[in-house]
Each structure stands twice: as structure tokens, then as C-alpha cells.
Amino acid sequence: MANSSSEPSFNPRSASAKDAYESELPTGDSPAGLPANLSRRPSINPNESFSVDYNPDPDLQTDNEDRHAYEPRTYLSNMYGSENYSSENYGTDNYGSNGQEQVKVLDPSLGLSDIEDSQTLDEEATIAKAPERYQQQPPINPLKVAQAPVSVVAIAGAIVIVVGFTLSSFWLTLAGSIVTFLVSLRLLAPTLQEALNDLSQQQRALFIAVPGLIFGIVGLISTSGIARPIARWGSGLRWDIISALGDFLGAIGQILIAIIAVYVAWRQYIISRDLTVQQNLITQQQTIDSYFQGISELVLDDEGLLEDWPQERIIAEARTAAILSSVDAGGKAKVLRFLSRSKLLTPLARDQRLGRPILDGLGGYAEDRLRGTRVIDLGVMLAACNMASTDLRWLDLSESNLIRANLTDCDLVRTNLARAILCDANLTNTDIMGVRFFYGDLETATPRTRQDKPNYMTGAFTGAVIEGMDLTNAQRLSEVQRCYCCAWGGSKTRATVPGGCEGIPNRLGR
């Protein structure tokens, strides 16, 4: 009661609070057996909004109170008083030994005034025992508390040592040294313990074994008598020669250090170069993927059908020219494979009104080699390009300009090179199995010209221009291909055709 008198507290069951609370309650008779102030409850509006406090005050309730706040015994004890609903009145459990629920009722002999007085006393005792808000102190670290006076003792010991040296006092210096040593060791003990805990079992064993091995060797040398012969042998050495030898070895060591530094710098350069190459490859692949996505969105409509208006074809060709000039040989091969397999390099049949491609009825677009229009015309994009050691199989490179192109070690299996310009192209060690150089028959096939229209039935003016093409060590060259190259390749090409051109006339005439 002393705490309640010294600090003003709000009693929710005082007379004024009860009158204010009961004035808001609806009128009506109380149920039999319950006090009037407990039977009356404010009406609950089902449409009334409420909120939940997700950040409760941690000082309002302890862990034990949170655990037992809604137990029946605690709840009724808080409501009606600890005397009326104690362990004796309420029972040790809600259920008896036979499994039937046992409920204790209030003692009928207790009056309303006794119940209210008991509740008031219990609440005042609870308020008196409750801790003040915002007065919880942080936990005390014993190590910090212990280190504070120990540090003072260490400083005092150091001062004693200085004073002992100044006064030339042996005992003062000795006492200060011992105290300072012990106190410093006490301060370093936690750090040393943490360092030892960080070491593995093998590292701890090594930490103990190395000094033990050194002391053991020294002890064996001392007890076995080997130290004396070693001392006599050392006394007979010419230390001036040994000193000169040491200088010589020091110079060699500096040279070795310089060599190691050069090697480390060279390795760093190699690693940096490899990382740069890898980063460039990643950047190039991202650029190619963006190109694929952009071309697909450009030439396809919302239904996935090919829709290439003239301006869209121009933009697609511009993008292709830009990407082919900025990637390496492998990147060029990827772009060409994508364009060829998606039929963007193939001349497609068009209607005569809107110029849209015509379906062939077999799930694809109809080809028209004579009057068809390509979505992307490579033109001179591949002239003098380097595509050595790349995979160019099954590509449609017809009518493309490959003059002075480097196709060394390429895989050209089933590639269409009809009407392509291969002047001075290098096809050394290239696999040209099934490569199409012309349409029609070998006897009537001729290379393309600027003014003549091709005849895809007879093969006239459908052949590739191969003058000066290098076929040294070309792989899997067929007889038809050999005859065409010997007939229309000129003298330079005839000299490089595998198998020779004996018996095949030079129809080019030069």
C-alpha cells in the first residue's frame, strides 16, 4: 500500500471508474449467481473495425505472465481474487481422475462487497510488484567489469617499474615487473583462448610439436656429445671465405627474387587476359541473344506469322550488318545459322498485292528462287570476313558475296553456295561434302553474271563464281564438284583441286 500511496495509479474497479463504466452498459437484470458489475458487458458491434498491436510493449508482461495469462486459473484469479480461486478452491486440474470435467463455483457465503475488496487488494498488490517502465538495465558483462580494475593495476605496475628504474631499486623493479607480467597475462588470457579455439586439432598438435622437436634436437645434441666435434669443426673454418660465400648467395637470392617477381607478373597478365577473353565472350553472347530477340520481334506479328514490310527488312539488314561486323568468327557462324534455319536468308514466294510470304501447305513458307524476296539479303556483309574453323553446315548462302573470305577448316556440309561469289576465297582443309555450287545439269550449268537471269531448270547462270578459289586439301570433294571447279575455276583454282583437272577443259579460258 506504500507504493500505491506514493505513485498515482488508476484503479479500474474504484467507485468512480465503476460508475463511469456502468453508465455505458445497457440496463438489464444480472444473471443469478454473478455480481452485477461482471454480468454487464458492453455491446459488441460486428461491423466495428479493430486493429492488432504487432509491436507490444515488452515491459507490460513477462514471459511467465505471457505463458499463463489465459489459463483458466490465472484468468479467474485475476477477475475474482486470488483467495476465491486459488489452487485449493479451483483444483490442481480442470479434469478429475475419471476424465470428467470438474468446475468449482464461487462460495455462496461470499458477498459482493467481499469479492470487490478482494479484487481491489489483488490489483493493488500486482501494481506494487510491477517493474517501472523503461527502467530495465542491460545485462552486465563480468569480463568488462573485471578488466577495469585489472587494467588499472597493470598501469600502476608499469609506473612502479619506471620508478624502480629511476631510483635503481632492485626490489621495486622486480615487484612491479612480476605484477605487470601477471596482470597482462590475465588480460591476454581471453584473447589467447579465442585464438586457440579457432585452431583445429591438427594445428594445435603442430603448434606443440614444432617447439618440442626443436628442444628435443638441442637436448640430443647436448647429451650425445656431438656438440663438441661440431664446435671444433666450426672453429677451424675460415669465416672470411664463408662471409664472401654468403654475399654471393645473397646476390643469387636477389636474382631469384627478381625472376620470381617477373614470373608472378607474367602469370597475372595471363590470368587477366583469360578473364578478359571470358568476359568478352559473355558480352558477345548477350549481344547475339539480344539480336535474336530483336529480329524475332521485328519480323513476326502477334500471331507468330512472318510479316516483313520493306522498312522492317531494311532495319533487319542494318542490324545484321552491325552484328556481323562486331563479333568474331564463332559469333558470325551463330548469327548465320539462326538466320538460315529461320528462313530469313531464303527467297520466299510472295503474293502480288501486299508482298506477304505464301505458305506452302506443309507447315512452312514456299520458296521462289527466281522471283522470291529474302527477308535479309546478306549482300557484301561477308566479303573478306574471317570464319575459319566454324560450323557452317546446311546454311543458305546463295547469292552472297564471299570474295576473299577465309573459310579454312570450316564445315560446309550441305551448304548452298549457288550464285555466290567465291573469288579468291580460301577453302583449305574445308569439308565440302554435298556443297551446292549450281542448279541443273553439270553440262549446262554456268556461273552467274550481272545481266543474265538464272535458269534453275537447266542451271544456266546459277553457278557460283569460283575464279581464284583455293581448294588445297579440300575434304570429300565429289566428282561433280571437281569437274565444275576445274571447268570454271581458272588456272589458279585448277592447280589446287584435289585429284587434279586432267582431261577436264578450262571453260573459263584464263
Protein backbone atom coordinates (compact mmCIF):
# COMPACT_ATOMS: atom_id res chain seq x y z
CA MET A 1 0.00 0.00 0.00
CA ALA A 2 3.02 2.26 0.38
CA ASN A 3 3.71 2.14 -3.33
CA SER A 4 0.15 2.94 -4.21
CA SER A 5 0.18 5.97 -1.96
CA SER A 6 3.47 7.28 -3.34
CA GLU A 7 2.62 6.81 -7.01
CA PRO A 8 -0.73 7.75 -8.51
CA SER A 9 -2.30 4.71 -10.14
CA PHE A 10 -5.55 4.18 -11.91
CA ASN A 11 -7.79 1.55 -10.30
CA PRO A 12 -10.25 0.25 -12.86
CA ARG A 13 -12.52 -1.09 -10.07
CA SER A 14 -12.71 2.04 -7.95
CA ALA A 15 -16.06 3.62 -7.33
CA SER A 16 -15.66 6.43 -9.86
CA ALA A 17 -14.38 4.09 -12.55
CA LYS A 18 -17.18 1.61 -11.88
CA ASP A 19 -19.83 4.31 -12.09
CA ALA A 20 -18.37 5.61 -15.35
CA TYR A 21 -18.21 2.10 -16.76
CA GLU A 22 -21.69 1.06 -15.64
CA SER A 23 -23.18 4.24 -17.05
CA GLU A 24 -22.26 3.00 -20.53
CA LEU A 25 -23.65 -0.53 -20.05
CA PRO A 26 -27.13 -1.49 -21.21
CA THR A 27 -29.71 -1.86 -18.49
CA GLY A 28 -30.99 -5.28 -17.56
CA ASP A 29 -31.06 -7.81 -14.79
CA SER A 30 -27.94 -9.65 -13.85
CA PRO A 31 -27.87 -13.42 -14.19
CA ALA A 32 -28.30 -15.25 -10.97
CA GLY A 33 -25.16 -16.11 -9.05
CA LEU A 34 -22.92 -13.42 -10.63
CA PRO A 35 -22.18 -9.89 -9.49
CA ALA A 36 -23.87 -7.10 -11.35
CA ASN A 37 -20.62 -5.45 -12.41
CA LEU A 38 -19.43 -8.74 -14.01
CA SER A 39 -22.66 -9.69 -15.75
CA ARG A 40 -22.91 -6.45 -17.63
CA ARG A 41 -20.80 -6.30 -20.76
CA PRO A 42 -20.70 -3.60 -23.40
CA SER A 43 -22.50 -4.45 -26.60
CA ILE A 44 -20.27 -5.65 -29.44
CA ASN A 45 -20.80 -4.25 -32.90
CA PRO A 46 -19.88 -6.93 -35.50
CA ASN A 47 -19.16 -4.20 -38.07
CA GLU A 48 -16.75 -2.36 -35.80
CA SER A 49 -13.16 -2.38 -37.03
CA PHE A 50 -10.32 -3.28 -34.77
CA SER A 51 -6.53 -3.42 -35.02
CA VAL A 52 -3.87 -5.70 -33.63
CA ASP A 53 -0.76 -4.34 -31.99
CA TYR A 54 2.14 -6.15 -33.65
CA ASN A 55 4.69 -4.29 -31.52
CA PRO A 56 3.55 -4.75 -27.88
CA ASP A 57 5.40 -3.11 -25.04
CA PRO A 58 7.88 -5.72 -23.70
CA ASP A 59 7.70 -4.21 -20.18
CA LEU A 60 4.00 -4.78 -19.72
CA GLN A 61 4.18 -8.55 -19.33
CA THR A 62 6.91 -11.04 -18.51
CA ASP A 63 7.43 -14.42 -20.12
CA ASN A 64 5.72 -16.26 -17.27
CA GLU A 65 2.76 -13.90 -17.42
CA ASP A 66 2.51 -14.43 -21.21
CA ARG A 67 2.55 -18.17 -20.70
CA HIS A 68 -0.19 -18.24 -18.01
CA ALA A 69 -2.23 -15.14 -18.86
CA TYR A 70 -5.05 -17.09 -20.45
CA GLU A 71 -5.06 -20.18 -18.26
CA PRO A 72 -8.46 -20.57 -16.53
CA ARG A 73 -6.98 -20.47 -13.05
CA THR A 74 -4.99 -17.30 -13.69
CA TYR A 75 -7.85 -15.59 -15.52
CA LEU A 76 -10.43 -16.27 -12.78
CA SER A 77 -7.88 -15.45 -10.08
CA ASN A 78 -7.30 -12.06 -11.67
CA MET A 79 -11.05 -11.49 -12.06
CA TYR A 80 -12.38 -12.66 -8.66
CA GLY A 81 -9.33 -12.57 -6.40
CA SER A 82 -6.56 -14.95 -5.52
CA GLU A 83 -8.36 -16.09 -2.33
CA ASN A 84 -11.53 -17.30 -4.07
CA TYR A 85 -9.80 -19.07 -6.98
CA SER A 86 -6.58 -20.33 -5.51
CA SER A 87 -5.17 -23.81 -6.07
CA GLU A 88 -7.28 -25.15 -3.18
CA ASN A 89 -10.61 -23.72 -4.39
CA TYR A 90 -10.12 -24.21 -8.11
CA GLY A 91 -8.26 -27.53 -8.00
CA THR A 92 -4.96 -28.63 -9.46
CA ASP A 93 -6.51 -29.54 -12.80
CA ASN A 94 -9.70 -28.91 -14.77
CA TYR A 95 -10.27 -32.66 -15.07
CA GLY A 96 -10.56 -35.27 -12.38
CA SER A 97 -9.04 -38.70 -12.32
CA ASN A 98 -12.08 -40.16 -14.09
CA GLY A 99 -11.70 -37.82 -17.04
CA GLN A 100 -14.85 -35.77 -16.20
CA GLU A 101 -14.55 -32.02 -16.15
CA GLN A 102 -14.68 -30.55 -12.66
CA VAL A 103 -15.68 -26.92 -12.31
CA LYS A 104 -15.57 -25.08 -8.99
CA VAL A 105 -18.14 -22.34 -8.36
CA LEU A 106 -17.85 -19.36 -6.10
CA ASP A 107 -18.52 -19.80 -2.42
CA PRO A 108 -22.12 -18.66 -1.90
CA SER A 109 -21.20 -17.33 1.54
CA LEU A 110 -19.07 -14.59 -0.02
CA GLY A 111 -20.85 -11.36 -0.56
CA LEU A 112 -20.46 -8.82 -3.35
CA SER A 113 -18.51 -6.42 -1.13
CA ASP A 114 -16.05 -9.18 -0.13
CA ILE A 115 -15.41 -10.08 -3.78
CA GLU A 116 -14.85 -6.41 -4.77
CA ASP A 117 -12.48 -5.81 -1.80
CA SER A 118 -10.51 -8.93 -2.71
CA GLN A 119 -10.22 -7.80 -6.32
CA THR A 120 -9.07 -4.31 -5.30
CA LEU A 121 -6.39 -5.65 -2.93
CA ASP A 122 -5.10 -8.11 -5.55
CA GLU A 123 -4.82 -5.43 -8.24
CA GLU A 124 -3.05 -3.00 -5.91
CA ALA A 125 -0.55 -5.73 -4.96
CA THR A 126 0.05 -6.51 -8.62
CA ILE A 127 0.66 -2.83 -9.42
CA ALA A 128 3.02 -2.51 -6.45
CA LYS A 129 5.07 -5.52 -7.65
CA ALA A 130 5.17 -4.49 -11.31
CA PRO A 131 8.53 -3.03 -12.52
CA GLU A 132 8.74 0.53 -13.63
CA ARG A 133 8.61 1.02 -17.40
CA TYR A 134 11.80 1.82 -19.21
CA GLN A 135 13.96 1.01 -16.20
CA GLN A 136 15.32 -2.34 -17.33
CA GLN A 137 19.10 -2.26 -17.26
CA PRO A 138 21.20 -4.04 -19.91
CA PRO A 139 22.95 -7.24 -18.79
CA ILE A 140 26.28 -6.73 -17.12
CA ASN A 141 29.34 -8.20 -18.79
CA PRO A 142 31.52 -9.65 -15.99
CA LEU A 143 34.59 -9.65 -18.21
CA LYS A 144 34.41 -5.89 -18.76
CA VAL A 145 33.81 -5.25 -15.05
CA ALA A 146 36.76 -7.46 -14.13
CA GLN A 147 39.06 -5.92 -16.70
CA ALA A 148 38.57 -2.36 -15.48
CA PRO A 149 40.47 -2.71 -12.13
CA VAL A 150 42.94 -5.17 -13.68
CA SER A 151 43.88 -2.57 -16.29
CA VAL A 152 44.42 -0.03 -13.54
CA VAL A 153 46.68 -2.49 -11.73
CA ALA A 154 48.69 -3.07 -14.93
CA ILE A 155 49.18 0.67 -15.39
CA ALA A 156 50.19 1.01 -11.75
CA GLY A 157 52.70 -1.84 -12.14
CA ALA A 158 54.23 -0.15 -15.20
CA ILE A 159 54.57 3.06 -13.20
CA VAL A 160 56.26 1.11 -10.39
CA ILE A 161 58.75 -0.34 -12.89
CA VAL A 162 59.58 3.13 -14.20
CA VAL A 163 60.04 4.40 -10.66
CA GLY A 164 62.23 1.39 -9.83
CA PHE A 165 64.46 2.05 -12.84
CA THR A 166 64.67 5.72 -11.92
CA LEU A 167 65.62 5.01 -8.29
CA SER A 168 67.79 1.98 -9.19
CA SER A 169 65.72 -0.11 -6.79
CA PHE A 170 66.05 -3.82 -7.49
CA TRP A 171 63.13 -4.98 -5.35
CA LEU A 172 60.79 -2.26 -6.59
CA THR A 173 61.57 -3.09 -10.21
CA LEU A 174 61.17 -6.82 -9.55
CA ALA A 175 57.84 -6.41 -7.78
CA GLY A 176 56.46 -4.14 -10.49
CA SER A 177 57.66 -6.48 -13.22
CA ILE A 178 56.05 -9.54 -11.62
CA VAL A 179 52.75 -7.75 -11.03
CA THR A 180 52.68 -6.26 -14.52
CA PHE A 181 53.53 -9.60 -16.10
CA LEU A 182 50.80 -11.47 -14.24
CA VAL A 183 48.16 -8.79 -14.81
CA SER A 184 49.00 -8.51 -18.52
CA LEU A 185 48.81 -12.28 -18.82
CA ARG A 186 45.38 -12.14 -17.16
CA LEU A 187 44.22 -9.55 -19.68
CA LEU A 188 45.57 -11.52 -22.62
CA ALA A 189 44.06 -14.81 -21.47
CA PRO A 190 40.61 -14.38 -23.16
CA THR A 191 42.20 -13.37 -26.47
CA LEU A 192 44.64 -16.27 -26.36
CA GLN A 193 41.79 -18.62 -25.50
CA GLU A 194 39.78 -17.45 -28.51
CA ALA A 195 42.83 -17.85 -30.76
CA LEU A 196 43.36 -21.40 -29.51
CA ASN A 197 39.68 -22.21 -30.03
CA ASP A 198 39.97 -21.09 -33.65
CA LEU A 199 42.76 -23.60 -34.27
CA SER A 200 41.89 -27.11 -35.41
CA GLN A 201 43.12 -30.19 -33.61
CA GLN A 202 45.85 -30.73 -36.22
CA GLN A 203 47.04 -27.12 -35.94
CA ARG A 204 47.21 -27.36 -32.16
CA ALA A 205 49.28 -30.54 -32.43
CA LEU A 206 51.64 -28.84 -34.90
CA PHE A 207 51.90 -25.79 -32.63
CA ILE A 208 53.09 -28.04 -29.81
CA ALA A 209 55.17 -30.47 -31.92
CA VAL A 210 57.46 -27.93 -33.63
CA PRO A 211 58.90 -26.38 -30.43
CA GLY A 212 59.09 -29.83 -28.89
CA LEU A 213 61.06 -31.12 -31.87
CA ILE A 214 63.49 -28.21 -31.66
CA PHE A 215 64.06 -28.69 -27.94
CA GLY A 216 64.45 -32.43 -28.44
CA ILE A 217 67.13 -31.98 -31.11
CA VAL A 218 69.01 -29.50 -28.93
CA GLY A 219 68.84 -31.88 -25.98
CA LEU A 220 70.06 -34.85 -28.03
CA ILE A 221 72.99 -32.86 -29.39
CA SER A 222 73.89 -31.70 -25.91
CA THR A 223 73.70 -35.14 -24.26
CA SER A 224 75.23 -37.23 -27.06
CA GLY A 225 78.48 -35.29 -27.25
CA ILE A 226 78.03 -34.22 -30.87
CA ALA A 227 78.17 -30.57 -29.89
CA ARG A 228 81.91 -30.66 -29.16
CA PRO A 229 83.03 -32.03 -32.60
CA ILE A 230 80.74 -29.54 -34.26
CA ALA A 231 82.26 -26.73 -32.20
CA ARG A 232 85.82 -27.82 -33.09
CA TRP A 233 84.92 -28.09 -36.77
CA GLY A 234 83.34 -24.64 -36.68
CA SER A 235 86.38 -23.10 -35.01
CA GLY A 236 88.61 -24.30 -37.87
CA LEU A 237 86.56 -22.70 -40.62
CA ARG A 238 87.72 -19.58 -42.46
CA TRP A 239 84.86 -17.23 -41.79
CA ASP A 240 86.09 -14.66 -44.30
CA ILE A 241 85.50 -17.18 -47.10
CA ILE A 242 82.13 -18.07 -45.62
CA SER A 243 81.25 -14.37 -45.48
CA ALA A 244 82.13 -13.95 -49.17
CA LEU A 245 80.09 -17.06 -49.97
CA GLY A 246 77.19 -15.56 -48.05
CA ASP A 247 77.38 -12.38 -50.10
CA PHE A 248 77.43 -14.48 -53.28
CA LEU A 249 74.41 -16.48 -52.18
CA GLY A 250 72.64 -13.24 -51.23
CA ALA A 251 73.19 -11.88 -54.75
CA ILE A 252 71.86 -15.12 -56.23
CA GLY A 253 68.85 -14.86 -53.92
CA GLN A 254 68.10 -11.34 -55.14
CA ILE A 255 68.30 -12.56 -58.74
CA LEU A 256 65.94 -15.42 -57.92
CA ILE A 257 63.55 -12.98 -56.23
CA ALA A 258 63.58 -10.82 -59.37
CA ILE A 259 62.89 -13.88 -61.55
CA ILE A 260 60.02 -14.91 -59.28
CA ALA A 261 58.59 -11.38 -59.44
CA VAL A 262 58.72 -11.44 -63.24
CA TYR A 263 57.04 -14.86 -63.27
CA VAL A 264 54.28 -13.66 -60.93
CA ALA A 265 53.70 -10.58 -63.11
CA TRP A 266 53.55 -12.77 -66.22
CA ARG A 267 51.05 -15.12 -64.56
CA GLN A 268 48.92 -12.17 -63.52
CA TYR A 269 48.94 -10.95 -67.12
CA ILE A 270 47.92 -14.39 -68.39
CA ILE A 271 45.10 -14.63 -65.84
CA SER A 272 43.93 -11.10 -66.63
CA ARG A 273 43.98 -11.86 -70.35
CA ASP A 274 41.97 -15.05 -69.88
CA LEU A 275 39.43 -13.23 -67.73
CA THR A 276 39.14 -10.51 -70.38
CA VAL A 277 38.57 -13.12 -73.09
CA GLN A 278 35.90 -14.82 -71.00
CA GLN A 279 34.19 -11.51 -70.28
CA ASN A 280 34.26 -10.62 -73.98
CA LEU A 281 32.69 -13.97 -74.86
CA ILE A 282 29.93 -13.43 -72.31
CA THR A 283 29.28 -9.91 -73.59
CA GLN A 284 29.26 -11.15 -77.20
CA GLN A 285 26.77 -13.91 -76.38
CA GLN A 286 24.49 -11.40 -74.66
CA THR A 287 24.70 -9.16 -77.73
CA ILE A 288 23.83 -12.07 -80.03
CA ASP A 289 20.89 -13.08 -77.83
CA SER A 290 19.58 -9.50 -77.92
CA TYR A 291 19.93 -9.54 -81.71
CA PHE A 292 17.95 -12.78 -81.97
CA GLN A 293 15.18 -11.34 -79.78
CA GLY A 294 15.07 -8.06 -81.69
CA ILE A 295 14.90 -9.72 -85.13
CA SER A 296 12.18 -12.10 -83.97
CA GLU A 297 10.04 -9.25 -82.63
CA LEU A 298 10.66 -7.23 -85.79
CA VAL A 299 9.58 -9.75 -88.44
CA LEU A 300 6.83 -11.62 -86.57
CA ASP A 301 3.30 -10.40 -85.90
CA ASP A 302 1.21 -11.04 -82.81
CA GLU A 303 0.09 -14.41 -84.17
CA GLY A 304 3.62 -15.61 -84.85
CA LEU A 305 3.39 -15.27 -88.65
CA LEU A 306 6.10 -13.71 -90.78
CA GLU A 307 5.33 -10.08 -91.52
CA ASP A 308 8.15 -8.16 -93.17
CA TRP A 309 7.32 -4.80 -94.65
CA PRO A 310 10.02 -3.00 -96.69
CA GLN A 311 11.16 -0.77 -93.84
CA GLU A 312 11.30 -3.73 -91.48
CA ARG A 313 13.52 -5.61 -93.94
CA ILE A 314 15.85 -2.61 -94.17
CA ILE A 315 16.12 -2.37 -90.37
CA ALA A 316 16.72 -6.12 -90.12
CA GLU A 317 19.54 -5.92 -92.68
CA ALA A 318 21.08 -2.96 -90.85
CA ARG A 319 21.04 -4.84 -87.56
CA THR A 320 22.57 -7.89 -89.22
CA ALA A 321 25.37 -5.85 -90.81
CA ALA A 322 26.14 -4.27 -87.43
CA ILE A 323 26.23 -7.55 -85.53
CA LEU A 324 28.36 -9.34 -88.14
CA SER A 325 30.97 -6.61 -88.01
CA SER A 326 31.24 -6.67 -84.20
CA VAL A 327 31.54 -10.40 -83.39
CA ASP A 328 34.25 -12.97 -84.00
CA ALA A 329 34.16 -15.97 -86.35
CA GLY A 330 32.15 -18.10 -83.93
CA GLY A 331 29.63 -15.31 -83.43
CA LYS A 332 29.23 -14.87 -87.20
CA ALA A 333 28.54 -18.59 -87.55
CA LYS A 334 25.85 -18.44 -84.83
CA VAL A 335 24.13 -15.49 -86.50
CA LEU A 336 24.21 -17.15 -89.92
CA ARG A 337 22.82 -20.42 -88.55
CA PHE A 338 19.97 -18.56 -86.87
CA LEU A 339 19.08 -16.60 -89.99
CA SER A 340 19.35 -19.62 -92.29
CA ARG A 341 17.33 -22.03 -90.16
CA SER A 342 14.60 -19.43 -89.66
CA LYS A 343 14.30 -19.00 -93.48
CA LEU A 344 15.25 -15.35 -93.30
CA LEU A 345 18.02 -15.84 -95.91
CA THR A 346 15.87 -17.89 -98.30
CA PRO A 347 13.94 -16.21 -101.16
CA LEU A 348 10.26 -16.73 -100.33
CA ALA A 349 7.29 -16.68 -102.66
CA ARG A 350 5.14 -13.55 -102.25
CA ASP A 351 1.64 -12.60 -103.21
CA GLN A 352 1.38 -9.98 -105.93
CA ARG A 353 -0.62 -7.49 -103.84
CA LEU A 354 0.85 -6.93 -100.37
CA GLY A 355 4.09 -8.83 -100.82
CA ARG A 356 3.42 -11.15 -97.92
CA PRO A 357 5.02 -14.63 -97.87
CA ILE A 358 2.90 -17.55 -99.02
CA LEU A 359 2.52 -20.76 -97.03
CA ASP A 360 3.38 -23.98 -98.86
CA GLY A 361 0.68 -26.07 -97.20
CA LEU A 362 3.27 -28.26 -95.43
CA GLY A 363 3.82 -26.11 -92.37
CA GLY A 364 6.37 -23.76 -93.91
CA TYR A 365 6.77 -20.94 -96.42
CA ALA A 366 7.08 -21.56 -100.15
CA GLU A 367 10.44 -20.86 -101.81
CA ASP A 368 10.78 -18.98 -105.07
CA ARG A 369 14.39 -18.86 -106.28
CA LEU A 370 13.58 -16.83 -109.37
CA ARG A 371 11.20 -14.11 -108.15
CA GLY A 372 11.20 -14.57 -104.39
CA THR A 373 12.26 -11.94 -101.87
CA ARG A 374 14.55 -12.55 -98.93
CA VAL A 375 13.79 -11.08 -95.54
CA ILE A 376 17.51 -10.34 -95.09
CA ASP A 377 19.84 -10.04 -98.07
CA LEU A 378 23.44 -10.53 -96.92
CA GLY A 379 24.91 -8.81 -99.96
CA VAL A 380 28.53 -7.88 -99.22
CA MET A 381 28.30 -8.38 -95.43
CA LEU A 382 30.55 -11.47 -95.62
CA ALA A 383 33.12 -10.11 -98.07
CA ALA A 384 36.70 -10.64 -96.83
CA CYS A 385 35.41 -11.93 -93.49
CA ASN A 386 37.22 -14.46 -91.33
CA MET A 387 35.11 -17.51 -90.48
CA ALA A 388 37.89 -20.06 -90.15
CA SER A 389 37.23 -23.23 -88.15
CA THR A 390 33.48 -22.61 -87.80
CA ASP A 391 30.40 -24.75 -88.31
CA LEU A 392 28.54 -23.62 -91.45
CA ARG A 393 26.58 -26.77 -92.21
CA TRP A 394 23.24 -26.63 -94.02
CA LEU A 395 23.35 -22.85 -94.45
CA ASP A 396 21.74 -21.00 -97.32
CA LEU A 397 24.49 -18.64 -98.51
CA SER A 398 23.27 -18.46 -102.09
CA GLU A 399 23.92 -15.17 -103.93
CA SER A 400 26.09 -13.92 -101.03
CA ASN A 401 29.37 -12.11 -101.65
CA LEU A 402 32.20 -14.19 -100.12
CA ILE A 403 35.06 -12.63 -102.06
CA ARG A 404 38.42 -13.18 -100.29
CA ALA A 405 36.62 -14.87 -97.38
CA ASN A 406 38.67 -17.10 -95.10
CA LEU A 407 36.82 -20.42 -94.81
CA THR A 408 39.81 -22.50 -93.75
CA ASP A 409 38.96 -25.66 -91.77
CA CYS A 410 35.25 -24.90 -91.99
CA ASP A 411 32.49 -27.49 -92.08
CA LEU A 412 30.45 -26.70 -95.22
CA VAL A 413 28.45 -29.92 -95.42
CA ARG A 414 25.25 -29.38 -97.49
CA THR A 415 25.80 -25.63 -97.67
CA ASN A 416 24.10 -23.84 -100.58
CA LEU A 417 26.67 -21.67 -102.41
CA ALA A 418 24.78 -21.33 -105.70
CA ARG A 419 25.32 -17.93 -107.38
CA ALA A 420 27.73 -16.98 -104.54
CA ILE A 421 30.88 -15.01 -105.30
CA LEU A 422 33.88 -17.01 -104.06
CA CYS A 423 36.67 -15.22 -105.90
CA ASP A 424 39.99 -15.67 -104.10
CA ALA A 425 38.21 -17.40 -101.20
CA ASN A 426 40.29 -19.76 -99.10
CA LEU A 427 38.73 -23.22 -98.63
CA THR A 428 41.86 -25.03 -97.46
CA ASN A 429 41.13 -28.17 -95.41
CA THR A 430 37.41 -27.48 -95.71
CA ASP A 431 34.83 -30.26 -95.70
CA ILE A 432 32.68 -29.55 -98.78
CA MET A 433 30.66 -32.74 -98.93
CA GLY A 434 27.31 -32.05 -100.60
CA VAL A 435 28.04 -28.35 -101.18
CA ARG A 436 25.79 -26.96 -103.93
CA PHE A 437 27.72 -24.84 -106.44
CA PHE A 438 24.98 -24.72 -109.10
CA TYR A 439 21.48 -25.90 -110.07
CA GLY A 440 20.57 -28.08 -113.03
CA ASP A 441 22.96 -30.30 -115.01
CA LEU A 442 26.73 -30.11 -114.98
CA GLU A 443 26.93 -29.80 -118.79
CA THR A 444 24.62 -26.76 -118.93
CA ALA A 445 25.47 -25.07 -115.62
CA THR A 446 27.37 -21.81 -115.86
CA PRO A 447 28.48 -19.18 -113.31
CA ARG A 448 26.28 -16.19 -112.63
CA THR A 449 26.62 -12.91 -114.50
CA ARG A 450 25.42 -9.41 -113.75
CA GLN A 451 23.00 -9.07 -116.66
CA ASP A 452 21.69 -12.60 -117.29
CA LYS A 453 18.77 -14.13 -115.41
CA PRO A 454 19.33 -17.58 -113.94
CA ASN A 455 17.56 -20.66 -115.29
CA TYR A 456 17.07 -23.06 -112.44
CA MET A 457 15.89 -25.83 -114.77
CA THR A 458 18.98 -26.02 -116.97
CA GLY A 459 21.40 -24.46 -114.49
CA ALA A 460 22.47 -21.64 -116.78
CA PHE A 461 23.82 -18.68 -114.81
CA THR A 462 23.04 -20.42 -111.49
CA GLY A 463 26.62 -21.43 -110.63
CA ALA A 464 28.99 -19.86 -108.13
CA VAL A 465 31.83 -17.63 -109.27
CA ILE A 466 34.89 -19.57 -108.11
CA GLU A 467 37.76 -18.00 -110.01
CA GLY A 468 40.89 -18.00 -107.87
CA MET A 469 39.31 -20.11 -105.10
CA ASP A 470 41.83 -22.18 -103.12
CA LEU A 471 40.78 -25.83 -102.65
CA THR A 472 44.03 -27.15 -101.25
CA ASN A 473 43.39 -30.38 -99.33
CA ALA A 474 39.62 -29.96 -99.57
CA GLN A 475 37.83 -32.87 -97.91
CA ARG A 476 35.23 -35.19 -99.53
CA LEU A 477 35.14 -33.43 -102.90
CA SER A 478 32.69 -35.22 -105.22
CA GLU A 479 33.32 -35.85 -108.91
CA VAL A 480 30.65 -33.37 -109.98
CA GLN A 481 32.14 -30.69 -107.75
CA ARG A 482 35.64 -31.44 -109.06
CA CYS A 483 34.50 -31.13 -112.68
CA TYR A 484 32.71 -27.83 -112.04
CA CYS A 485 35.70 -26.35 -110.18
CA CYS A 486 38.13 -27.43 -112.88
CA ALA A 487 35.90 -26.09 -115.67
CA TRP A 488 35.06 -22.68 -114.18
CA GLY A 489 37.77 -22.04 -111.59
CA GLY A 490 40.52 -20.82 -113.87
CA SER A 491 44.14 -21.83 -113.82
CA LYS A 492 44.73 -20.82 -110.19
CA THR A 493 41.86 -22.89 -108.89
CA ARG A 494 42.68 -25.86 -111.14
CA ALA A 495 46.12 -26.07 -109.56
CA THR A 496 44.62 -26.58 -106.08
CA VAL A 497 41.81 -29.04 -106.86
CA PRO A 498 42.41 -32.39 -105.13
CA GLY A 499 42.81 -35.13 -107.70
CA GLY A 500 43.88 -32.73 -110.45
CA CYS A 501 41.99 -31.50 -113.53
CA GLU A 502 43.48 -33.77 -116.18
CA GLY A 503 41.07 -34.30 -119.06
CA ILE A 504 38.69 -31.50 -117.96
CA PRO A 505 38.77 -28.45 -120.24
CA ASN A 506 39.19 -24.95 -118.83
CA ARG A 507 35.89 -23.41 -119.88
CA LEU A 508 36.71 -20.10 -118.20
CA GLY A 509 39.59 -19.60 -120.64
CA ARG A 510 42.00 -17.94 -118.22
